[in-house]
PDB file of all heavy atoms in Angstrom:
ATOM      1  N   LYS A   1     111.867  86.906  98.016  1.00  0.00           N
ATOM      2  CA  LYS A   1     111.847  85.815  96.980  1.00  0.00           C
ATOM      3  C   LYS A   1     110.801  84.839  97.310  1.00  0.00           C
ATOM      4  O   LYS A   1     110.107  84.256  96.445  1.00  0.00           O
ATOM      5  CB  LYS A   1     113.179  85.111  96.841  1.00  0.00           C
ATOM      6  CG  LYS A   1     113.664  84.293  97.860  1.00  0.00           C
ATOM      7  CD  LYS A   1     114.905  83.647  97.544  1.00  0.00           C
ATOM      8  CE  LYS A   1     115.385  82.810  98.660  1.00  0.00           C
ATOM      9  NZ  LYS A   1     116.720  82.188  98.542  1.00  0.00           N
ATOM     10  N   HIS A   2     110.567  84.561  98.611  1.00  0.00           N
ATOM     11  CA  HIS A   2     109.528  83.715  99.047  1.00  0.00           C
ATOM     12  C   HIS A   2     108.060  84.337  98.811  1.00  0.00           C
ATOM     13  O   HIS A   2     107.096  83.668  98.312  1.00  0.00           O
ATOM     14  CB  HIS A   2     109.704  83.268 100.522  1.00  0.00           C
ATOM     15  CG  HIS A   2     110.902  82.428 100.785  1.00  0.00           C
ATOM     16  ND1 HIS A   2     111.142  81.169 100.222  1.00  0.00           N
ATOM     17  CD2 HIS A   2     112.043  82.789 101.511  1.00  0.00           C
ATOM     18  CE1 HIS A   2     112.317  80.849 100.645  1.00  0.00           C
ATOM     19  NE2 HIS A   2     112.866  81.707 101.356  1.00  0.00           N
ATOM     20  N   TRP A   3     107.972  85.545  99.240  1.00  0.00           N
ATOM     21  CA  TRP A   3     106.656  86.264  99.210  1.00  0.00           C
ATOM     22  C   TRP A   3     106.221  86.580  97.811  1.00  0.00           C
ATOM     23  O   TRP A   3     105.070  86.630  97.579  1.00  0.00           O
ATOM     24  CB  TRP A   3     106.676  87.473 100.105  1.00  0.00           C
ATOM     25  CG  TRP A   3     107.280  87.280 101.414  1.00  0.00           C
ATOM     26  CD1 TRP A   3     107.998  88.156 102.058  1.00  0.00           C
ATOM     27  CD2 TRP A   3     107.020  86.268 102.414  1.00  0.00           C
ATOM     28  NE1 TRP A   3     108.485  87.567 103.286  1.00  0.00           N
ATOM     29  CE2 TRP A   3     107.785  86.455 103.422  1.00  0.00           C
ATOM     30  CE3 TRP A   3     106.232  85.021 102.241  1.00  0.00           C
ATOM     31  CZ2 TRP A   3     107.817  85.565 104.631  1.00  0.00           C
ATOM     32  CZ3 TRP A   3     106.209  84.146 103.379  1.00  0.00           C
ATOM     33  CH2 TRP A   3     107.014  84.485 104.363  1.00  0.00           C
ATOM     34  N   GLN A   4     107.171  86.670  96.859  1.00  0.00           N
ATOM     35  CA  GLN A   4     106.808  86.807  95.580  1.00  0.00           C
ATOM     36  C   GLN A   4     106.075  85.722  94.805  1.00  0.00           C
ATOM     37  O   GLN A   4     105.465  85.792  93.844  1.00  0.00           O
ATOM     38  CB  GLN A   4     108.046  87.332  94.577  1.00  0.00           C
ATOM     39  CG  GLN A   4     108.553  88.715  94.970  1.00  0.00           C
ATOM     40  CD  GLN A   4     107.433  89.797  94.748  1.00  0.00           C
ATOM     41  OE1 GLN A   4     107.201  90.419  95.606  1.00  0.00           O
ATOM     42  NE2 GLN A   4     107.083  89.830  93.545  1.00  0.00           N
ATOM     43  N   GLN A   5     106.221  84.536  95.602  1.00  0.00           N
ATOM     44  CA  GLN A   5     105.544  83.333  95.011  1.00  0.00           C
ATOM     45  C   GLN A   5     104.104  83.283  95.495  1.00  0.00           C
ATOM     46  O   GLN A   5     103.278  82.434  94.972  1.00  0.00           O
ATOM     47  CB  GLN A   5     106.330  82.082  95.550  1.00  0.00           C
ATOM     48  CG  GLN A   5     107.716  82.084  95.168  1.00  0.00           C
ATOM     49  CD  GLN A   5     108.385  80.775  95.771  1.00  0.00           C
ATOM     50  OE1 GLN A   5     107.972  79.651  95.702  1.00  0.00           O
ATOM     51  NE2 GLN A   5     109.463  80.891  96.427  1.00  0.00           N
ATOM     52  N   ILE A   6     103.690  84.079  96.395  1.00  0.00           N
ATOM     53  CA  ILE A   6     102.225  84.025  96.746  1.00  0.00           C
ATOM     54  C   ILE A   6     101.323  84.562  95.649  1.00  0.00           C
ATOM     55  O   ILE A   6     101.468  85.527  95.095  1.00  0.00           O
ATOM     56  CB  ILE A   6     102.010  85.071  97.932  1.00  0.00           C
ATOM     57  CG1 ILE A   6     102.954  84.754  99.170  1.00  0.00           C
ATOM     58  CG2 ILE A   6     100.601  84.961  98.434  1.00  0.00           C
ATOM     59  CD1 ILE A   6     102.905  85.848 100.272  1.00  0.00           C
ATOM     60  N   PRO A   7     100.341  83.654  95.235  1.00  0.00           N
ATOM     61  CA  PRO A   7      99.549  84.074  94.094  1.00  0.00           C
ATOM     62  C   PRO A   7      98.534  85.154  94.419  1.00  0.00           C
ATOM     63  O   PRO A   7      98.337  85.422  95.614  1.00  0.00           O
ATOM     64  CB  PRO A   7      98.636  82.734  93.959  1.00  0.00           C
ATOM     65  CG  PRO A   7      99.413  81.698  94.540  1.00  0.00           C
ATOM     66  CD  PRO A   7     100.151  82.390  95.631  1.00  0.00           C
ATOM     67  N   ASN A   8      98.406  86.048  93.464  1.00  0.00           N
ATOM     68  CA  ASN A   8      97.514  87.299  93.735  1.00  0.00           C
ATOM     69  C   ASN A   8      96.170  86.988  94.095  1.00  0.00           C
ATOM     70  O   ASN A   8      95.562  87.766  94.682  1.00  0.00           O
ATOM     71  CB  ASN A   8      97.606  88.120  92.376  1.00  0.00           C
ATOM     72  CG  ASN A   8      99.041  88.720  92.004  1.00  0.00           C
ATOM     73  OD1 ASN A   8      99.721  88.919  92.923  1.00  0.00           O
ATOM     74  ND2 ASN A   8      99.133  88.932  90.856  1.00  0.00           N
ATOM     75  N   ASP A   9      95.608  85.797  93.771  1.00  0.00           N
ATOM     76  CA  ASP A   9      94.284  85.513  94.043  1.00  0.00           C
ATOM     77  C   ASP A   9      94.092  84.662  95.444  1.00  0.00           C
ATOM     78  O   ASP A   9      93.174  84.017  95.731  1.00  0.00           O
ATOM     79  CB  ASP A   9      93.658  84.694  92.948  1.00  0.00           C
ATOM     80  CG  ASP A   9      94.258  83.402  92.676  1.00  0.00           C
ATOM     81  OD1 ASP A   9      95.360  83.058  93.382  1.00  0.00           O
ATOM     82  OD2 ASP A   9      93.769  82.618  91.853  1.00  0.00           O
ATOM     83  N   THR A  10      95.126  84.747  96.318  1.00  0.00           N
ATOM     84  CA  THR A  10      95.085  83.981  97.545  1.00  0.00           C
ATOM     85  C   THR A  10      94.074  84.556  98.397  1.00  0.00           C
ATOM     86  O   THR A  10      94.015  85.831  98.676  1.00  0.00           O
ATOM     87  CB  THR A  10      96.469  84.107  98.367  1.00  0.00           C
ATOM     88  OG1 THR A  10      97.571  83.491  97.466  1.00  0.00           O
ATOM     89  CG2 THR A  10      96.535  83.426  99.618  1.00  0.00           C
ATOM     90  N   ASN A  11      93.238  83.744  99.094  1.00  0.00           N
ATOM     91  CA  ASN A  11      92.209  84.242  99.982  1.00  0.00           C
ATOM     92  C   ASN A  11      92.671  84.090 101.479  1.00  0.00           C
ATOM     93  O   ASN A  11      92.474  85.060 102.250  1.00  0.00           O
ATOM     94  CB  ASN A  11      90.897  83.311  99.937  1.00  0.00           C
ATOM     95  CG  ASN A  11      90.285  83.406  98.545  1.00  0.00           C
ATOM     96  OD1 ASN A  11      90.130  82.417  97.807  1.00  0.00           O
ATOM     97  ND2 ASN A  11      90.062  84.668  98.150  1.00  0.00           N
ATOM     98  N   ILE A  12      93.232  82.997 101.786  1.00  0.00           N
ATOM     99  CA  ILE A  12      93.783  82.769 103.130  1.00  0.00           C
ATOM    100  C   ILE A  12      95.298  82.443 103.160  1.00  0.00           C
ATOM    101  O   ILE A  12      95.764  81.505 102.544  1.00  0.00           O
ATOM    102  CB  ILE A  12      93.111  81.718 103.944  1.00  0.00           C
ATOM    103  CG1 ILE A  12      91.545  81.947 103.978  1.00  0.00           C
ATOM    104  CG2 ILE A  12      93.692  81.426 105.326  1.00  0.00           C
ATOM    105  CD1 ILE A  12      90.683  81.058 104.687  1.00  0.00           C
ATOM    106  N   LEU A  13      96.037  83.326 103.624  1.00  0.00           N
ATOM    107  CA  LEU A  13      97.553  83.291 103.716  1.00  0.00           C
ATOM    108  C   LEU A  13      97.934  82.694 105.059  1.00  0.00           C
ATOM    109  O   LEU A  13      97.538  83.074 106.138  1.00  0.00           O
ATOM    110  CB  LEU A  13      98.233  84.566 103.508  1.00  0.00           C
ATOM    111  CG  LEU A  13      99.768  84.649 103.427  1.00  0.00           C
ATOM    112  CD1 LEU A  13     100.274  83.754 102.357  1.00  0.00           C
ATOM    113  CD2 LEU A  13     100.117  86.142 103.402  1.00  0.00           C
ATOM    114  N   VAL A  14      98.863  81.590 104.997  1.00  0.00           N
ATOM    115  CA  VAL A  14      99.283  81.051 106.276  1.00  0.00           C
ATOM    116  C   VAL A  14     100.838  81.136 106.310  1.00  0.00           C
ATOM    117  O   VAL A  14     101.525  80.473 105.365  1.00  0.00           O
ATOM    118  CB  VAL A  14      98.979  79.565 106.346  1.00  0.00           C
ATOM    119  CG1 VAL A  14      99.298  78.981 107.736  1.00  0.00           C
ATOM    120  CG2 VAL A  14      97.487  79.434 106.254  1.00  0.00           C
ATOM    121  N   THR A  15     101.480  81.852 107.169  1.00  0.00           N
ATOM    122  CA  THR A  15     102.932  82.008 107.305  1.00  0.00           C
ATOM    123  C   THR A  15     103.191  81.748 108.743  1.00  0.00           C
ATOM    124  O   THR A  15     102.368  81.982 109.635  1.00  0.00           O
ATOM    125  CB  THR A  15     103.501  83.385 106.788  1.00  0.00           C
ATOM    126  OG1 THR A  15     102.992  84.341 107.581  1.00  0.00           O
ATOM    127  CG2 THR A  15     103.025  83.662 105.275  1.00  0.00           C
ATOM    128  N   HIS A  16     104.537  81.398 109.045  1.00  0.00           N
ATOM    129  CA  HIS A  16     104.917  81.386 110.346  1.00  0.00           C
ATOM    130  C   HIS A  16     105.262  82.670 110.849  1.00  0.00           C
ATOM    131  O   HIS A  16     104.891  83.013 112.077  1.00  0.00           O
ATOM    132  CB  HIS A  16     106.218  80.357 110.491  1.00  0.00           C
ATOM    133  CG  HIS A  16     106.546  80.073 111.941  1.00  0.00           C
ATOM    134  ND1 HIS A  16     105.556  79.560 112.797  1.00  0.00           N
ATOM    135  CD2 HIS A  16     107.618  80.303 112.715  1.00  0.00           C
ATOM    136  CE1 HIS A  16     106.070  79.450 113.968  1.00  0.00           C
ATOM    137  NE2 HIS A  16     107.427  79.925 113.957  1.00  0.00           N
ATOM    138  N   THR A  17     106.020  83.476 110.129  1.00  0.00           N
ATOM    139  CA  THR A  17     106.244  84.906 110.618  1.00  0.00           C
ATOM    140  C   THR A  17     104.947  85.715 110.454  1.00  0.00           C
ATOM    141  O   THR A  17     104.279  85.710 109.491  1.00  0.00           O
ATOM    142  CB  THR A  17     107.414  85.470 109.772  1.00  0.00           C
ATOM    143  OG1 THR A  17     107.642  86.726 110.340  1.00  0.00           O
ATOM    144  CG2 THR A  17     107.089  85.577 108.396  1.00  0.00           C
ATOM    145  N   PRO A  18     104.823  86.765 111.416  1.00  0.00           N
ATOM    146  CA  PRO A  18     103.866  87.815 111.154  1.00  0.00           C
ATOM    147  C   PRO A  18     104.539  88.808 110.190  1.00  0.00           C
ATOM    148  O   PRO A  18     105.598  88.878 109.889  1.00  0.00           O
ATOM    149  CB  PRO A  18     103.706  88.425 112.496  1.00  0.00           C
ATOM    150  CG  PRO A  18     104.542  87.611 113.511  1.00  0.00           C
ATOM    151  CD  PRO A  18     105.578  86.800 112.708  1.00  0.00           C
ATOM    152  N   PRO A  19     103.623  89.743 109.703  1.00  0.00           N
ATOM    153  CA  PRO A  19     104.145  90.649 108.810  1.00  0.00           C
ATOM    154  C   PRO A  19     104.647  91.792 109.801  1.00  0.00           C
ATOM    155  O   PRO A  19     104.197  91.831 111.058  1.00  0.00           O
ATOM    156  CB  PRO A  19     102.891  91.369 108.147  1.00  0.00           C
ATOM    157  CG  PRO A  19     101.786  90.983 108.953  1.00  0.00           C
ATOM    158  CD  PRO A  19     102.135  89.535 109.628  1.00  0.00           C
ATOM    159  N   PHE A  20     105.542  92.658 109.368  1.00  0.00           N
ATOM    160  CA  PHE A  20     105.987  93.675 110.364  1.00  0.00           C
ATOM    161  C   PHE A  20     105.034  94.702 110.801  1.00  0.00           C
ATOM    162  O   PHE A  20     104.270  95.150 110.040  1.00  0.00           O
ATOM    163  CB  PHE A  20     107.289  94.415 109.653  1.00  0.00           C
ATOM    164  CG  PHE A  20     107.900  95.477 110.540  1.00  0.00           C
ATOM    165  CD1 PHE A  20     108.921  94.996 111.461  1.00  0.00           C
ATOM    166  CD2 PHE A  20     107.597  96.736 110.728  1.00  0.00           C
ATOM    167  CE1 PHE A  20     109.614  95.834 112.446  1.00  0.00           C
ATOM    168  CE2 PHE A  20     108.167  97.563 111.532  1.00  0.00           C
ATOM    169  CZ  PHE A  20     109.210  97.053 112.364  1.00  0.00           C
ATOM    170  N   GLY A  21     104.918  94.838 112.225  1.00  0.00           N
ATOM    171  CA  GLY A  21     104.092  95.796 112.791  1.00  0.00           C
ATOM    172  C   GLY A  21     102.680  95.333 113.099  1.00  0.00           C
ATOM    173  O   GLY A  21     101.907  96.175 113.574  1.00  0.00           O
ATOM    174  N   ILE A  22     102.319  94.004 112.954  1.00  0.00           N
ATOM    175  CA  ILE A  22     101.079  93.507 113.132  1.00  0.00           C
ATOM    176  C   ILE A  22     101.178  92.344 114.057  1.00  0.00           C
ATOM    177  O   ILE A  22     101.629  91.186 113.537  1.00  0.00           O
ATOM    178  CB  ILE A  22     100.323  93.232 111.855  1.00  0.00           C
ATOM    179  CG1 ILE A  22     100.180  94.559 111.068  1.00  0.00           C
ATOM    180  CG2 ILE A  22      98.923  92.592 112.164  1.00  0.00           C
ATOM    181  CD1 ILE A  22      99.427  94.146 109.698  1.00  0.00           C
ATOM    182  N   LEU A  23     100.744  92.357 115.276  1.00  0.00           N
ATOM    183  CA  LEU A  23     100.739  91.243 116.218  1.00  0.00           C
ATOM    184  C   LEU A  23     102.143  90.543 116.235  1.00  0.00           C
ATOM    185  O   LEU A  23     102.272  89.325 116.411  1.00  0.00           O
ATOM    186  CB  LEU A  23      99.650  90.340 115.844  1.00  0.00           C
ATOM    187  CG  LEU A  23      98.211  90.778 115.698  1.00  0.00           C
ATOM    188  CD1 LEU A  23      97.234  89.723 115.366  1.00  0.00           C
ATOM    189  CD2 LEU A  23      97.831  91.327 117.170  1.00  0.00           C
ATOM    190  N   ASP A  24     103.300  91.359 116.324  1.00  0.00           N
ATOM    191  CA  ASP A  24     104.580  90.842 116.144  1.00  0.00           C
ATOM    192  C   ASP A  24     105.542  91.375 117.260  1.00  0.00           C
ATOM    193  O   ASP A  24     106.756  91.344 117.089  1.00  0.00           O
ATOM    194  CB  ASP A  24     105.209  91.159 114.641  1.00  0.00           C
ATOM    195  CG  ASP A  24     105.503  92.730 114.565  1.00  0.00           C
ATOM    196  OD1 ASP A  24     104.774  93.455 115.229  1.00  0.00           O
ATOM    197  OD2 ASP A  24     106.347  92.957 113.729  1.00  0.00           O
ATOM    198  N   GLU A  25     104.930  91.867 118.305  1.00  0.00           N
ATOM    199  CA  GLU A  25     105.733  92.583 119.282  1.00  0.00           C
ATOM    200  C   GLU A  25     106.041  91.650 120.504  1.00  0.00           C
ATOM    201  O   GLU A  25     105.333  90.833 120.975  1.00  0.00           O
ATOM    202  CB  GLU A  25     105.006  93.808 119.813  1.00  0.00           C
ATOM    203  CG  GLU A  25     105.799  94.620 120.720  1.00  0.00           C
ATOM    204  CD  GLU A  25     105.106  95.915 121.175  1.00  0.00           C
ATOM    205  OE1 GLU A  25     104.269  96.291 120.526  1.00  0.00           O
ATOM    206  OE2 GLU A  25     105.365  96.551 122.295  1.00  0.00           O
ATOM    207  N   SER A  26     107.428  91.492 120.720  1.00  0.00           N
ATOM    208  CA  SER A  26     107.900  90.654 121.815  1.00  0.00           C
ATOM    209  C   SER A  26     107.513  91.237 123.121  1.00  0.00           C
ATOM    210  O   SER A  26     107.149  92.355 123.223  1.00  0.00           O
ATOM    211  CB  SER A  26     109.391  90.436 121.587  1.00  0.00           C
ATOM    212  OG  SER A  26     110.059  91.618 121.916  1.00  0.00           O
ATOM    213  N   ARG A  27     107.898  90.511 124.127  1.00  0.00           N
ATOM    214  CA  ARG A  27     107.649  90.965 125.605  1.00  0.00           C
ATOM    215  C   ARG A  27     108.499  92.157 125.840  1.00  0.00           C
ATOM    216  O   ARG A  27     108.169  93.019 126.670  1.00  0.00           O
ATOM    217  CB  ARG A  27     107.870  89.800 126.562  1.00  0.00           C
ATOM    218  CG  ARG A  27     106.792  88.837 126.511  1.00  0.00           C
ATOM    219  CD  ARG A  27     107.189  87.676 127.515  1.00  0.00           C
ATOM    220  NE  ARG A  27     108.366  86.913 127.042  1.00  0.00           N
ATOM    221  CZ  ARG A  27     109.048  85.889 127.864  1.00  0.00           C
ATOM    222  NH1 ARG A  27     108.699  85.840 129.051  1.00  0.00           N
ATOM    223  NH2 ARG A  27     110.037  85.430 127.309  1.00  0.00           N
ATOM    224  N   SER A  28     109.674  92.349 125.188  1.00  0.00           N
ATOM    225  CA  SER A  28     110.469  93.388 125.321  1.00  0.00           C
ATOM    226  C   SER A  28     110.226  94.820 124.568  1.00  0.00           C
ATOM    227  O   SER A  28     110.647  95.692 124.716  1.00  0.00           O
ATOM    228  CB  SER A  28     112.025  92.978 124.932  1.00  0.00           C
ATOM    229  OG  SER A  28     112.119  92.780 123.670  1.00  0.00           O
ATOM    230  N   GLY A  29     109.082  94.477 123.683  1.00  0.00           N
ATOM    231  CA  GLY A  29     108.645  95.670 122.928  1.00  0.00           C
ATOM    232  C   GLY A  29     109.320  95.681 121.546  1.00  0.00           C
ATOM    233  O   GLY A  29     108.870  96.535 120.808  1.00  0.00           O
ATOM    234  N   ARG A  30     110.096  94.682 121.218  1.00  0.00           N
ATOM    235  CA  ARG A  30     110.712  94.727 119.880  1.00  0.00           C
ATOM    236  C   ARG A  30     109.814  94.029 118.900  1.00  0.00           C
ATOM    237  O   ARG A  30     109.189  93.095 119.213  1.00  0.00           O
ATOM    238  CB  ARG A  30     112.113  94.037 119.947  1.00  0.00           C
ATOM    239  CG  ARG A  30     112.733  94.080 118.405  1.00  0.00           C
ATOM    240  CD  ARG A  30     114.195  93.458 118.623  1.00  0.00           C
ATOM    241  NE  ARG A  30     114.657  93.288 117.269  1.00  0.00           N
ATOM    242  CZ  ARG A  30     115.911  92.713 116.999  1.00  0.00           C
ATOM    243  NH1 ARG A  30     116.540  92.294 118.150  1.00  0.00           N
ATOM    244  NH2 ARG A  30     116.291  92.589 115.760  1.00  0.00           N
ATOM    245  N   ARG A  31     109.766  94.597 117.697  1.00  0.00           N
ATOM    246  CA  ARG A  31     108.930  93.952 116.690  1.00  0.00           C
ATOM    247  C   ARG A  31     109.824  93.022 115.737  1.00  0.00           C
ATOM    248  O   ARG A  31     110.867  93.567 115.253  1.00  0.00           O
ATOM    249  CB  ARG A  31     108.130  95.044 115.815  1.00  0.00           C
ATOM    250  CG  ARG A  31     107.186  95.798 116.572  1.00  0.00           C
ATOM    251  CD  ARG A  31     106.255  96.616 115.633  1.00  0.00           C
ATOM    252  NE  ARG A  31     105.170  97.375 116.486  1.00  0.00           N
ATOM    253  CZ  ARG A  31     103.992  96.745 116.701  1.00  0.00           C
ATOM    254  NH1 ARG A  31     103.844  95.474 116.591  1.00  0.00           N
ATOM    255  NH2 ARG A  31     103.156  97.289 117.540  1.00  0.00           N
ATOM    256  N   TYR A  32     109.304  91.698 115.502  1.00  0.00           N
ATOM    257  CA  TYR A  32     110.095  90.958 114.743  1.00  0.00           C
ATOM    258  C   TYR A  32     109.477  90.463 113.445  1.00  0.00           C
ATOM    259  O   TYR A  32     110.028  89.435 112.890  1.00  0.00           O
ATOM    260  CB  TYR A  32     110.304  89.559 115.740  1.00  0.00           C
ATOM    261  CG  TYR A  32     111.399  89.854 116.812  1.00  0.00           C
ATOM    262  CD1 TYR A  32     111.054  90.275 118.071  1.00  0.00           C
ATOM    263  CD2 TYR A  32     112.680  89.535 116.506  1.00  0.00           C
ATOM    264  CE1 TYR A  32     111.898  90.408 118.980  1.00  0.00           C
ATOM    265  CE2 TYR A  32     113.647  89.641 117.542  1.00  0.00           C
ATOM    266  CZ  TYR A  32     113.281  90.170 118.730  1.00  0.00           C
ATOM    267  OH  TYR A  32     114.214  90.244 119.707  1.00  0.00           O
ATOM    268  N   GLY A  33     108.360  91.040 113.064  1.00  0.00           N
ATOM    269  CA  GLY A  33     107.724  90.694 111.808  1.00  0.00           C
ATOM    270  C   GLY A  33     108.570  90.896 110.609  1.00  0.00           C
ATOM    271  O   GLY A  33     109.713  91.614 110.654  1.00  0.00           O
ATOM    272  N   CYS A  34     108.152  90.489 109.457  1.00  0.00           N
ATOM    273  CA  CYS A  34     108.898  90.641 108.233  1.00  0.00           C
ATOM    274  C   CYS A  34     108.395  91.807 107.385  1.00  0.00           C
ATOM    275  O   CYS A  34     107.311  91.872 106.942  1.00  0.00           O
ATOM    276  CB  CYS A  34     108.877  89.421 107.327  1.00  0.00           C
ATOM    277  SG  CYS A  34     109.646  89.337 105.775  1.00  0.00           S
ATOM    278  N   GLU A  35     109.382  92.771 107.187  1.00  0.00           N
ATOM    279  CA  GLU A  35     109.060  93.998 106.360  1.00  0.00           C
ATOM    280  C   GLU A  35     108.675  93.516 104.894  1.00  0.00           C
ATOM    281  O   GLU A  35     107.731  94.139 104.312  1.00  0.00           O
ATOM    282  CB  GLU A  35     110.154  94.910 106.324  1.00  0.00           C
ATOM    283  CG  GLU A  35     110.604  95.429 107.638  1.00  0.00           C
ATOM    284  CD  GLU A  35     111.662  94.520 108.362  1.00  0.00           C
ATOM    285  OE1 GLU A  35     111.798  93.457 107.976  1.00  0.00           O
ATOM    286  OE2 GLU A  35     112.290  95.056 109.282  1.00  0.00           O
ATOM    287  N   GLU A  36     109.356  92.594 104.343  1.00  0.00           N
ATOM    288  CA  GLU A  36     108.986  92.217 102.948  1.00  0.00           C
ATOM    289  C   GLU A  36     107.677  91.512 102.804  1.00  0.00           C
ATOM    290  O   GLU A  36     106.930  91.757 101.747  1.00  0.00           O
ATOM    291  CB  GLU A  36     110.164  91.249 102.386  1.00  0.00           C
ATOM    292  CG  GLU A  36     111.568  91.923 102.311  1.00  0.00           C
ATOM    293  CD  GLU A  36     111.578  93.125 101.471  1.00  0.00           C
ATOM    294  OE1 GLU A  36     110.866  93.028 100.411  1.00  0.00           O
ATOM    295  OE2 GLU A  36     112.292  94.119 101.833  1.00  0.00           O
TER     296      GLU A  36
END
């Protein structure tokens, strides 16, 4: 519901969470990014 608010014409997106699978790997190897 939060990400649906992002306008389609956004040039630079700033979020605290990474997206899932991109620069989101912890030291233990687990990925914590957001799939949505």
